Amino acid sequence: MTARDPQALRRRHRRERQAVVFGSMLAAMAVAALGATAVYTGVIDPPFAREFTTLRPEAEGAGAAPCPPEGAVPTTYGEVQVQVLNGAGRAGLAADVGDQLAARGFTVLSADNFPGDYPGIALVRFGETGLRAGYTLAAQIDGAALLIDTRTEPTVDLVLGGAYSTLVEPAAVPLAPGEPLVGVEGCVPLDEALQVAPPGPAPATEEPAEGEQAPAEGEQAPAEG
């Protein structure tokens, strides 16, 4: 044997070990991928009991949808003071929907961006004094979720999500003046919902004292795009 034969033998052994290591890694990855696919499609049960969850902005999941009190009826559209928020990332969505709601007679306070993305269709948020207004507004959007918070004002927030499509046609809105409101699926009694209600929005900035300069428009929040 030549003097170079031992080196060639070592190189061959090293290549063989590398082939075994990489082959084992690829096999393990393939098994893991197959297992994950089987769990995701429901072919096999996952090795844990907890369901997957999606984090939602501003602790929305911490609250609850309240059932309307017995005998509560819709408000007139003009009584609903709504702030429309764009959580879908589509430019101009809040302004467009705000215009549509205003055309129906709703009092649209503002159209702005939601601080984050909302993956659902729409979320209607309100306090106890705005419950009837919240239900009246939610009836305009098929599949809208409702959430009560601790605000004391009768204002309502409408968060438009990535799954939002369009408003319900006016003639198809499931409301009738004088007829009791119907609670959404999964709603809980009002007193129970209030016990887990998340904080309401921050109070509006007070008017500046005489001689003080008011903040410029858009200084506190970016304009809705």
C-alpha atoms as a PDB file:
ATOM      1  CA  MET A   1       0.000   0.000   0.000  1.00  0.00           C
ATOM      2  CA  THR A   2       1.232   3.542  -0.709  1.00  0.00           C
ATOM      3  CA  ALA A   3       1.660   6.217   1.956  1.00  0.00           C
ATOM      4  CA  ARG A   4      -1.474   7.955   0.693  1.00  0.00           C
ATOM      5  CA  ASP A   5      -3.738   4.934   1.144  1.00  0.00           C
ATOM      6  CA  PRO A   6      -4.483   5.564   4.886  1.00  0.00           C
ATOM      7  CA  GLN A   7      -5.576   9.132   4.094  1.00  0.00           C
ATOM      8  CA  ALA A   8      -7.851   7.927   1.339  1.00  0.00           C
ATOM      9  CA  LEU A   9      -9.327   5.351   3.715  1.00  0.00           C
ATOM     10  CA  ARG A  10      -9.999   8.000   6.371  1.00  0.00           C
ATOM     11  CA  ARG A  11     -11.679  10.252   3.817  1.00  0.00           C
ATOM     12  CA  ARG A  12     -13.880   7.409   2.672  1.00  0.00           C
ATOM     13  CA  HIS A  13     -14.893   6.599   6.269  1.00  0.00           C
ATOM     14  CA  ARG A  14     -15.656  10.277   6.915  1.00  0.00           C
ATOM     15  CA  ARG A  15     -17.869  10.457   3.838  1.00  0.00           C
ATOM     16  CA  GLU A  16     -19.691   7.321   4.934  1.00  0.00           C
ATOM     17  CA  ARG A  17     -20.323   8.770   8.426  1.00  0.00           C
ATOM     18  CA  GLN A  18     -21.577  12.007   6.928  1.00  0.00           C
ATOM     19  CA  ALA A  19     -23.928  10.115   4.647  1.00  0.00           C
ATOM     20  CA  VAL A  20     -25.322   8.191   7.623  1.00  0.00           C
ATOM     21  CA  VAL A  21     -25.789  11.363   9.730  1.00  0.00           C
ATOM     22  CA  PHE A  22     -27.468  13.370   6.971  1.00  0.00           C
ATOM     23  CA  GLY A  23     -29.571  10.428   5.937  1.00  0.00           C
ATOM     24  CA  SER A  24     -30.803   9.994   9.512  1.00  0.00           C
ATOM     25  CA  MET A  25     -31.629  13.704   9.777  1.00  0.00           C
ATOM     26  CA  LEU A  26     -33.610  13.672   6.537  1.00  0.00           C
ATOM     27  CA  ALA A  27     -35.500  10.571   7.647  1.00  0.00           C
ATOM     28  CA  ALA A  28     -36.368  12.164  11.002  1.00  0.00           C
ATOM     29  CA  MET A  29     -37.586  15.326   9.289  1.00  0.00           C
ATOM     30  CA  ALA A  30     -39.739  13.303   6.929  1.00  0.00           C
ATOM     31  CA  VAL A  31     -41.311  11.382   9.827  1.00  0.00           C
ATOM     32  CA  ALA A  32     -41.989  14.632  11.722  1.00  0.00           C
ATOM     33  CA  ALA A  33     -43.574  16.200   8.648  1.00  0.00           C
ATOM     34  CA  LEU A  34     -45.822  13.194   8.109  1.00  0.00           C
ATOM     35  CA  GLY A  35     -46.838  13.228  11.773  1.00  0.00           C
ATOM     36  CA  ALA A  36     -47.633  16.939  11.714  1.00  0.00           C
ATOM     37  CA  THR A  37     -49.702  16.507   8.556  1.00  0.00           C
ATOM     38  CA  ALA A  38     -51.622  13.631  10.122  1.00  0.00           C
ATOM     39  CA  VAL A  39     -52.402  15.700  13.254  1.00  0.00           C
ATOM     40  CA  TYR A  40     -53.391  18.767  11.226  1.00  0.00           C
ATOM     41  CA  THR A  41     -55.763  16.800   8.993  1.00  0.00           C
ATOM     42  CA  GLY A  42     -57.259  14.902  11.938  1.00  0.00           C
ATOM     43  CA  VAL A  43     -55.993  11.458  10.911  1.00  0.00           C
ATOM     44  CA  ILE A  44     -54.430  11.013  14.354  1.00  0.00           C
ATOM     45  CA  ASP A  45     -55.028  12.802  17.647  1.00  0.00           C
ATOM     46  CA  PRO A  46     -52.403  15.281  18.874  1.00  0.00           C
ATOM     47  CA  PRO A  47     -50.251  14.264  21.865  1.00  0.00           C
ATOM     48  CA  PHE A  48     -51.769  17.068  23.964  1.00  0.00           C
ATOM     49  CA  ALA A  49     -55.265  18.084  24.956  1.00  0.00           C
ATOM     50  CA  ARG A  50     -55.121  21.878  24.508  1.00  0.00           C
ATOM     51  CA  GLU A  51     -56.549  23.228  21.268  1.00  0.00           C
ATOM     52  CA  PHE A  52     -54.598  25.653  19.133  1.00  0.00           C
ATOM     53  CA  THR A  53     -55.579  29.255  19.738  1.00  0.00           C
ATOM     54  CA  THR A  54     -55.068  32.498  17.882  1.00  0.00           C
ATOM     55  CA  LEU A  55     -54.067  35.572  19.824  1.00  0.00           C
ATOM     56  CA  ARG A  56     -56.419  38.446  19.084  1.00  0.00           C
ATOM     57  CA  PRO A  57     -55.701  42.156  19.482  1.00  0.00           C
ATOM     58  CA  GLU A  58     -56.355  44.031  22.714  1.00  0.00           C
ATOM     59  CA  ALA A  59     -57.277  40.923  24.720  1.00  0.00           C
ATOM     60  CA  GLU A  60     -60.554  40.564  22.820  1.00  0.00           C
ATOM     61  CA  GLY A  61     -60.800  36.910  23.858  1.00  0.00           C
ATOM     62  CA  ALA A  62     -60.822  37.952  27.535  1.00  0.00           C
ATOM     63  CA  GLY A  63     -64.336  39.384  27.284  1.00  0.00           C
ATOM     64  CA  ALA A  64     -67.735  38.051  26.360  1.00  0.00           C
ATOM     65  CA  ALA A  65     -70.729  38.856  24.199  1.00  0.00           C
ATOM     66  CA  PRO A  66     -73.641  39.927  26.411  1.00  0.00           C
ATOM     67  CA  CYS A  67     -77.197  38.845  25.739  1.00  0.00           C
ATOM     68  CA  PRO A  68     -79.587  41.781  25.444  1.00  0.00           C
ATOM     69  CA  PRO A  69     -81.828  42.262  28.478  1.00  0.00           C
ATOM     70  CA  GLU A  70     -85.341  40.900  28.114  1.00  0.00           C
ATOM     71  CA  GLY A  71     -87.482  43.283  26.124  1.00  0.00           C
ATOM     72  CA  ALA A  72     -84.563  45.380  24.813  1.00  0.00           C
ATOM     73  CA  VAL A  73     -85.302  46.722  21.333  1.00  0.00           C
ATOM     74  CA  PRO A  74     -83.080  48.225  18.619  1.00  0.00           C
ATOM     75  CA  THR A  75     -82.182  51.897  18.695  1.00  0.00           C
ATOM     76  CA  THR A  76     -82.707  54.237  15.781  1.00  0.00           C
ATOM     77  CA  TYR A  77     -79.679  54.351  13.487  1.00  0.00           C
ATOM     78  CA  GLY A  78     -79.058  57.994  14.302  1.00  0.00           C
ATOM     79  CA  GLU A  79     -78.578  57.136  17.991  1.00  0.00           C
ATOM     80  CA  VAL A  80     -75.649  54.811  17.184  1.00  0.00           C
ATOM     81  CA  GLN A  81     -72.391  56.756  17.558  1.00  0.00           C
ATOM     82  CA  VAL A  82     -69.782  54.604  15.852  1.00  0.00           C
ATOM     83  CA  GLN A  83     -66.051  54.778  15.329  1.00  0.00           C
ATOM     84  CA  VAL A  84     -65.039  52.633  12.346  1.00  0.00           C
ATOM     85  CA  LEU A  85     -61.590  50.990  12.616  1.00  0.00           C
ATOM     86  CA  ASN A  86     -59.668  49.269   9.847  1.00  0.00           C
ATOM     87  CA  GLY A  87     -58.181  45.993  11.103  1.00  0.00           C
ATOM     88  CA  ALA A  88     -58.000  44.406   7.664  1.00  0.00           C
ATOM     89  CA  GLY A  89     -54.994  46.251   6.272  1.00  0.00           C
ATOM     90  CA  ARG A  90     -56.983  47.325   3.178  1.00  0.00           C
ATOM     91  CA  ALA A  91     -56.431  50.974   2.374  1.00  0.00           C
ATOM     92  CA  GLY A  92     -59.527  53.124   2.695  1.00  0.00           C
ATOM     93  CA  LEU A  93     -61.766  50.377   4.094  1.00  0.00           C
ATOM     94  CA  ALA A  94     -62.822  52.209   7.268  1.00  0.00           C
ATOM     95  CA  ALA A  95     -63.618  55.394   5.352  1.00  0.00           C
ATOM     96  CA  ASP A  96     -65.655  53.506   2.753  1.00  0.00           C
ATOM     97  CA  VAL A  97     -67.680  51.567   5.331  1.00  0.00           C
ATOM     98  CA  GLY A  98     -68.100  54.720   7.402  1.00  0.00           C
ATOM     99  CA  ASP A  99     -69.614  56.459   4.378  1.00  0.00           C
ATOM    100  CA  GLN A 100     -71.974  53.531   3.800  1.00  0.00           C
ATOM    101  CA  LEU A 101     -73.113  53.559   7.425  1.00  0.00           C
ATOM    102  CA  ALA A 102     -73.585  57.326   7.364  1.00  0.00           C
ATOM    103  CA  ALA A 103     -75.745  56.925   4.263  1.00  0.00           C
ATOM    104  CA  ARG A 104     -77.967  54.578   6.290  1.00  0.00           C
ATOM    105  CA  GLY A 105     -78.341  57.182   9.010  1.00  0.00           C
ATOM    106  CA  PHE A 106     -75.705  56.076  11.545  1.00  0.00           C
ATOM    107  CA  THR A 107     -73.711  58.760  13.351  1.00  0.00           C
ATOM    108  CA  VAL A 108     -70.121  58.064  12.280  1.00  0.00           C
ATOM    109  CA  LEU A 109     -67.677  59.750  14.644  1.00  0.00           C
ATOM    110  CA  SER A 110     -64.457  58.807  12.859  1.00  0.00           C
ATOM    111  CA  ALA A 111     -62.713  56.360  10.545  1.00  0.00           C
ATOM    112  CA  ASP A 112     -59.244  55.267  11.597  1.00  0.00           C
ATOM    113  CA  ASN A 113     -56.776  52.379  11.721  1.00  0.00           C
ATOM    114  CA  PHE A 114     -57.077  49.607  14.299  1.00  0.00           C
ATOM    115  CA  PRO A 115     -53.815  49.083  16.263  1.00  0.00           C
ATOM    116  CA  GLY A 116     -53.192  45.612  14.846  1.00  0.00           C
ATOM    117  CA  ASP A 117     -54.823  43.083  12.553  1.00  0.00           C
ATOM    118  CA  TYR A 118     -58.234  41.559  13.249  1.00  0.00           C
ATOM    119  CA  PRO A 119     -58.585  38.188  11.460  1.00  0.00           C
ATOM    120  CA  GLY A 120     -62.368  37.828  11.729  1.00  0.00           C
ATOM    121  CA  ILE A 121     -65.210  39.472   9.840  1.00  0.00           C
ATOM    122  CA  ALA A 122     -65.937  42.333  12.217  1.00  0.00           C
ATOM    123  CA  LEU A 123     -65.949  43.089  15.935  1.00  0.00           C
ATOM    124  CA  VAL A 124     -68.489  45.412  17.550  1.00  0.00           C
ATOM    125  CA  ARG A 125     -67.332  46.749  20.949  1.00  0.00           C
ATOM    126  CA  PHE A 126     -69.458  48.759  23.349  1.00  0.00           C
ATOM    127  CA  GLY A 127     -70.162  49.452  27.001  1.00  0.00           C
ATOM    128  CA  GLU A 128     -73.287  48.723  29.018  1.00  0.00           C
ATOM    129  CA  THR A 129     -74.964  51.950  27.944  1.00  0.00           C
ATOM    130  CA  GLY A 130     -74.241  51.152  24.288  1.00  0.00           C
ATOM    131  CA  LEU A 131     -75.547  47.575  24.273  1.00  0.00           C
ATOM    132  CA  ARG A 132     -78.655  48.282  22.212  1.00  0.00           C
ATOM    133  CA  ALA A 133     -76.622  50.437  19.837  1.00  0.00           C
ATOM    134  CA  GLY A 134     -74.020  47.674  19.514  1.00  0.00           C
ATOM    135  CA  TYR A 135     -76.630  45.082  18.583  1.00  0.00           C
ATOM    136  CA  THR A 136     -78.247  47.507  16.151  1.00  0.00           C
ATOM    137  CA  LEU A 137     -74.908  48.078  14.422  1.00  0.00           C
ATOM    138  CA  ALA A 138     -73.878  44.407  14.466  1.00  0.00           C
ATOM    139  CA  ALA A 139     -77.049  43.503  12.549  1.00  0.00           C
ATOM    140  CA  GLN A 140     -75.593  45.357   9.559  1.00  0.00           C
ATOM    141  CA  ILE A 141     -72.768  42.804   9.166  1.00  0.00           C
ATOM    142  CA  ASP A 142     -73.402  39.092   8.847  1.00  0.00           C
ATOM    143  CA  GLY A 143     -71.060  37.232  11.215  1.00  0.00           C
ATOM    144  CA  ALA A 144     -70.005  40.218  13.323  1.00  0.00           C
ATOM    145  CA  ALA A 145     -68.780  39.359  16.835  1.00  0.00           C
ATOM    146  CA  LEU A 146     -69.832  41.400  19.873  1.00  0.00           C
ATOM    147  CA  LEU A 147     -67.791  42.348  22.926  1.00  0.00           C
ATOM    148  CA  ILE A 148     -68.727  44.453  25.939  1.00  0.00           C
ATOM    149  CA  ASP A 149     -66.088  46.527  27.735  1.00  0.00           C
ATOM    150  CA  THR A 150     -66.055  48.886  30.693  1.00  0.00           C
ATOM    151  CA  ARG A 151     -66.641  52.185  28.874  1.00  0.00           C
ATOM    152  CA  THR A 152     -69.414  54.329  30.294  1.00  0.00           C
ATOM    153  CA  GLU A 153     -70.151  56.284  27.115  1.00  0.00           C
ATOM    154  CA  PRO A 154     -72.780  55.009  24.628  1.00  0.00           C
ATOM    155  CA  THR A 155     -70.223  54.981  21.789  1.00  0.00           C
ATOM    156  CA  VAL A 156     -69.596  51.871  19.692  1.00  0.00           C
ATOM    157  CA  ASP A 157     -66.417  50.679  17.941  1.00  0.00           C
ATOM    158  CA  LEU A 158     -66.657  48.729  14.698  1.00  0.00           C
ATOM    159  CA  VAL A 159     -63.431  46.842  13.914  1.00  0.00           C
ATOM    160  CA  LEU A 160     -63.369  45.570  10.333  1.00  0.00           C
ATOM    161  CA  GLY A 161     -61.348  42.380   9.927  1.00  0.00           C
ATOM    162  CA  GLY A 162     -59.518  40.605   7.169  1.00  0.00           C
ATOM    163  CA  ALA A 163     -62.570  38.413   6.440  1.00  0.00           C
ATOM    164  CA  TYR A 164     -64.916  41.389   6.034  1.00  0.00           C
ATOM    165  CA  SER A 165     -66.755  41.535   2.724  1.00  0.00           C
ATOM    166  CA  THR A 166     -69.761  43.837   2.730  1.00  0.00           C
ATOM    167  CA  LEU A 167     -72.689  45.207   4.700  1.00  0.00           C
ATOM    168  CA  VAL A 168     -75.985  43.362   4.723  1.00  0.00           C
ATOM    169  CA  GLU A 169     -78.434  44.803   2.210  1.00  0.00           C
ATOM    170  CA  PRO A 170     -80.706  47.281   4.007  1.00  0.00           C
ATOM    171  CA  ALA A 171     -83.845  45.271   3.261  1.00  0.00           C
ATOM    172  CA  ALA A 172     -82.237  42.116   4.687  1.00  0.00           C
ATOM    173  CA  VAL A 173     -81.095  43.574   8.035  1.00  0.00           C
ATOM    174  CA  PRO A 174     -82.682  41.314  10.705  1.00  0.00           C
ATOM    175  CA  LEU A 175     -84.115  44.146  12.793  1.00  0.00           C
ATOM    176  CA  ALA A 176     -87.611  45.509  13.233  1.00  0.00           C
ATOM    177  CA  PRO A 177     -88.552  48.586  15.275  1.00  0.00           C
ATOM    178  CA  GLY A 178     -90.209  47.595  18.531  1.00  0.00           C
ATOM    179  CA  GLU A 179     -89.295  43.907  18.252  1.00  0.00           C
ATOM    180  CA  PRO A 180     -86.940  42.556  20.964  1.00  0.00           C
ATOM    181  CA  LEU A 181     -83.299  42.049  20.094  1.00  0.00           C
ATOM    182  CA  VAL A 182     -82.102  38.473  19.702  1.00  0.00           C
ATOM    183  CA  GLY A 183     -78.841  37.540  21.432  1.00  0.00           C
ATOM    184  CA  VAL A 184     -75.936  36.289  19.364  1.00  0.00           C
ATOM    185  CA  GLU A 185     -74.917  32.657  19.621  1.00  0.00           C
ATOM    186  CA  GLY A 186     -72.954  31.976  22.799  1.00  0.00           C
ATOM    187  CA  CYS A 187     -73.941  35.203  24.544  1.00  0.00           C
ATOM    188  CA  VAL A 188     -74.031  35.299  28.337  1.00  0.00           C
ATOM    189  CA  PRO A 189     -76.205  37.304  30.762  1.00  0.00           C
ATOM    190  CA  LEU A 190     -75.196  40.941  30.975  1.00  0.00           C
ATOM    191  CA  ASP A 191     -74.018  40.781  34.597  1.00  0.00           C
ATOM    192  CA  GLU A 192     -71.750  37.836  33.805  1.00  0.00           C
ATOM    193  CA  ALA A 193     -70.325  39.565  30.731  1.00  0.00           C
ATOM    194  CA  LEU A 194     -69.552  42.672  32.765  1.00  0.00           C
ATOM    195  CA  GLN A 195     -67.550  40.616  35.258  1.00  0.00           C
ATOM    196  CA  VAL A 196     -65.010  39.708  32.551  1.00  0.00           C
ATOM    197  CA  ALA A 197     -65.291  42.890  30.477  1.00  0.00           C
ATOM    198  CA  PRO A 198     -61.920  44.284  29.308  1.00  0.00           C
ATOM    199  CA  PRO A 199     -61.097  47.974  29.780  1.00  0.00           C
ATOM    200  CA  GLY A 200     -62.809  50.409  27.479  1.00  0.00           C
ATOM    201  CA  PRO A 201     -60.987  52.887  25.240  1.00  0.00           C
ATOM    202  CA  ALA A 202     -59.023  55.715  26.799  1.00  0.00           C
ATOM    203  CA  PRO A 203     -61.131  58.804  27.450  1.00  0.00           C
ATOM    204  CA  ALA A 204     -61.005  61.532  24.863  1.00  0.00           C
ATOM    205  CA  THR A 205     -58.460  64.281  25.369  1.00  0.00           C
ATOM    206  CA  GLU A 206     -59.956  67.226  27.216  1.00  0.00           C
ATOM    207  CA  GLU A 207     -60.387  70.510  25.383  1.00  0.00           C
ATOM    208  CA  PRO A 208     -57.318  72.750  25.843  1.00  0.00           C
ATOM    209  CA  ALA A 209     -57.659  75.672  28.182  1.00  0.00           C
ATOM    210  CA  GLU A 210     -58.032  79.108  26.663  1.00  0.00           C
ATOM    211  CA  GLY A 211     -54.748  80.161  25.171  1.00  0.00           C
ATOM    212  CA  GLU A 212     -53.379  76.626  24.887  1.00  0.00           C
ATOM    213  CA  GLN A 213     -52.742  75.059  21.508  1.00  0.00           C
ATOM    214  CA  ALA A 214     -54.815  72.008  20.571  1.00  0.00           C
ATOM    215  CA  PRO A 215     -52.892  68.964  19.247  1.00  0.00           C
ATOM    216  CA  ALA A 216     -52.602  68.751  15.507  1.00  0.00           C
ATOM    217  CA  GLU A 217     -54.990  66.448  13.668  1.00  0.00           C
ATOM    218  CA  GLY A 218     -53.536  62.932  13.444  1.00  0.00           C
ATOM    219  CA  GLU A 219     -50.997  63.619  16.221  1.00  0.00           C
ATOM    220  CA  GLN A 220     -52.313  60.886  18.527  1.00  0.00           C
ATOM    221  CA  ALA A 221     -53.249  58.271  15.927  1.00  0.00           C
ATOM    222  CA  PRO A 222     -52.380  57.811  12.247  1.00  0.00           C
ATOM    223  CA  ALA A 223     -55.094  58.682   9.776  1.00  0.00           C
ATOM    224  CA  GLU A 224     -56.951  55.732   8.267  1.00  0.00           C
ATOM    225  CA  GLY A 225     -55.462  54.767   4.962  1.00  0.00           C
END
